[in-house]
Amino acid sequence: MKNISPLLKKLIFMEKYFKGGFIMRLDKFLMDSKIVKRRVIAHDLCDGGKVTKGSLNLKPGYEVKPGDIISVELPRKILQIKISEENSFEVISESLKNL
C-alpha cells in the first residue's frame, strides 16, 4: 500500500466518512464537545493515558465513532461517556476523584 495515489487515498477516506457517519480525531472531539477547553489539554490527557476505551489507552488521533464508550479522567472527576453523534455525547457515569 505504499504506492497509493493521493486521489485513491482521498476516495478511501470519503468512503470511510460516508459509511461511518463522521470521522473526528479524539482530541478534537473532546475540545468541540466542551469536555476540555483546549485541544492541547485533550492531547495531553490522551498522551498521559487518561482517556481509555475498555482497558486500552487511546491516542489523540483515535477516530471516534458513534457508539464508542470512552472513559476520561479529569483532574477532579472521572467521566464515562457514550458518543452519540458529531459533537454530542451522553454521560453514562460521573464520579469524583478522591483528593
Protein backbone atom coordinates (compact mmCIF):
# COMPACT_ATOMS: atom_id res chain seq x y z
CA MET A 1 0.00 0.00 0.00
CA LYS A 2 2.99 2.30 -0.21
CA ASN A 3 2.38 3.33 -3.80
CA ILE A 4 -1.20 4.61 -3.44
CA SER A 5 -2.01 7.77 -5.34
CA PRO A 6 -3.33 10.81 -3.44
CA LEU A 7 -6.63 10.55 -5.33
CA LEU A 8 -7.11 6.94 -4.24
CA LYS A 9 -6.31 7.91 -0.64
CA LYS A 10 -8.95 10.63 -0.80
CA LEU A 11 -11.53 8.20 -2.23
CA ILE A 12 -10.81 5.69 0.54
CA PHE A 13 -11.21 8.47 3.13
CA MET A 14 -14.51 9.65 1.59
CA GLU A 15 -15.90 6.11 1.50
CA LYS A 16 -14.95 5.64 5.15
CA TYR A 17 -16.50 9.01 6.03
CA PHE A 18 -19.84 8.36 4.38
CA LYS A 19 -20.14 4.79 5.67
CA GLY A 20 -19.39 5.60 9.29
CA GLY A 21 -21.30 8.87 9.61
CA PHE A 22 -18.46 11.11 10.72
CA ILE A 23 -14.77 10.95 11.39
CA MET A 24 -13.18 13.12 14.03
CA ARG A 25 -9.97 12.88 16.00
CA LEU A 26 -10.43 12.17 19.70
CA ASP A 27 -8.60 15.31 20.85
CA LYS A 28 -10.73 17.48 18.55
CA PHE A 29 -13.92 15.75 19.74
CA LEU A 30 -13.06 16.37 23.40
CA MET A 31 -12.49 20.06 22.64
CA ASP A 32 -15.51 20.56 20.34
CA SER A 33 -17.86 18.85 22.77
CA LYS A 34 -16.52 21.10 25.57
CA ILE A 35 -15.27 18.32 27.81
CA VAL A 36 -11.94 20.17 27.87
CA LYS A 37 -11.22 23.81 26.98
CA ARG A 38 -8.24 23.39 24.68
CA ARG A 39 -7.12 20.79 22.18
CA VAL A 40 -3.64 20.77 23.70
CA ILE A 41 -5.16 19.73 27.04
CA ALA A 42 -7.11 16.93 25.31
CA HIS A 43 -3.91 15.85 23.54
CA ASP A 44 -2.01 15.76 26.85
CA LEU A 45 -4.80 13.75 28.53
CA CYS A 46 -4.60 11.16 25.75
CA ASP A 47 -0.80 11.00 25.85
CA GLY A 48 -0.90 10.66 29.64
CA GLY A 49 -3.16 7.59 29.49
CA LYS A 50 -6.15 9.40 31.00
CA VAL A 51 -8.51 8.58 28.10
CA THR A 52 -9.42 4.91 27.71
CA LYS A 53 -11.81 2.65 25.85
CA GLY A 54 -12.23 -0.53 27.82
CA SER A 55 -8.73 -1.18 29.08
CA LEU A 56 -6.94 0.39 26.10
CA ASN A 57 -5.32 3.82 26.29
CA LEU A 58 -6.42 5.94 23.34
CA LYS A 59 -4.14 8.15 21.29
CA PRO A 60 -5.13 11.70 20.31
CA GLY A 61 -5.59 10.61 16.69
CA TYR A 62 -8.10 7.87 17.50
CA GLU A 63 -11.13 8.24 15.22
CA VAL A 64 -14.25 8.48 17.38
CA LYS A 65 -17.38 6.74 16.15
CA PRO A 66 -21.00 6.81 17.31
CA GLY A 67 -21.49 4.13 19.96
CA ASP A 68 -17.96 4.35 21.40
CA ILE A 69 -17.87 4.30 25.20
CA ILE A 70 -14.89 6.28 26.47
CA SER A 71 -13.61 6.98 29.97
CA VAL A 72 -11.98 10.38 30.58
CA GLU A 73 -10.03 11.00 33.78
CA LEU A 74 -10.11 14.73 34.52
CA PRO A 75 -8.31 16.41 37.45
CA ARG A 76 -11.32 16.25 39.80
CA LYS A 77 -13.63 13.64 38.28
CA ILE A 78 -13.86 10.64 36.01
CA LEU A 79 -16.40 10.71 33.19
CA GLN A 80 -17.64 7.73 31.25
CA ILE A 81 -19.34 8.91 28.07
CA LYS A 82 -21.09 7.33 25.10
CA ILE A 83 -20.59 9.13 21.81
CA SER A 84 -23.89 9.51 20.01
CA GLU A 85 -23.12 11.70 17.02
CA GLU A 86 -20.91 14.56 15.93
CA ASN A 87 -20.09 16.80 18.93
CA SER A 88 -22.69 15.15 21.13
CA PHE A 89 -22.40 12.56 23.86
CA GLU A 90 -24.26 11.21 26.83
CA VAL A 91 -22.73 10.85 30.27
CA ILE A 92 -23.05 7.26 31.46
CA SER A 93 -21.37 7.79 34.82
CA GLU A 94 -19.58 10.56 36.64
CA SER A 95 -17.57 10.04 39.78
CA LEU A 96 -15.45 12.37 41.89
CA LYS A 97 -11.81 11.51 42.48
CA ASN A 98 -10.50 11.19 46.00
CA LEU A 99 -8.05 14.01 46.55
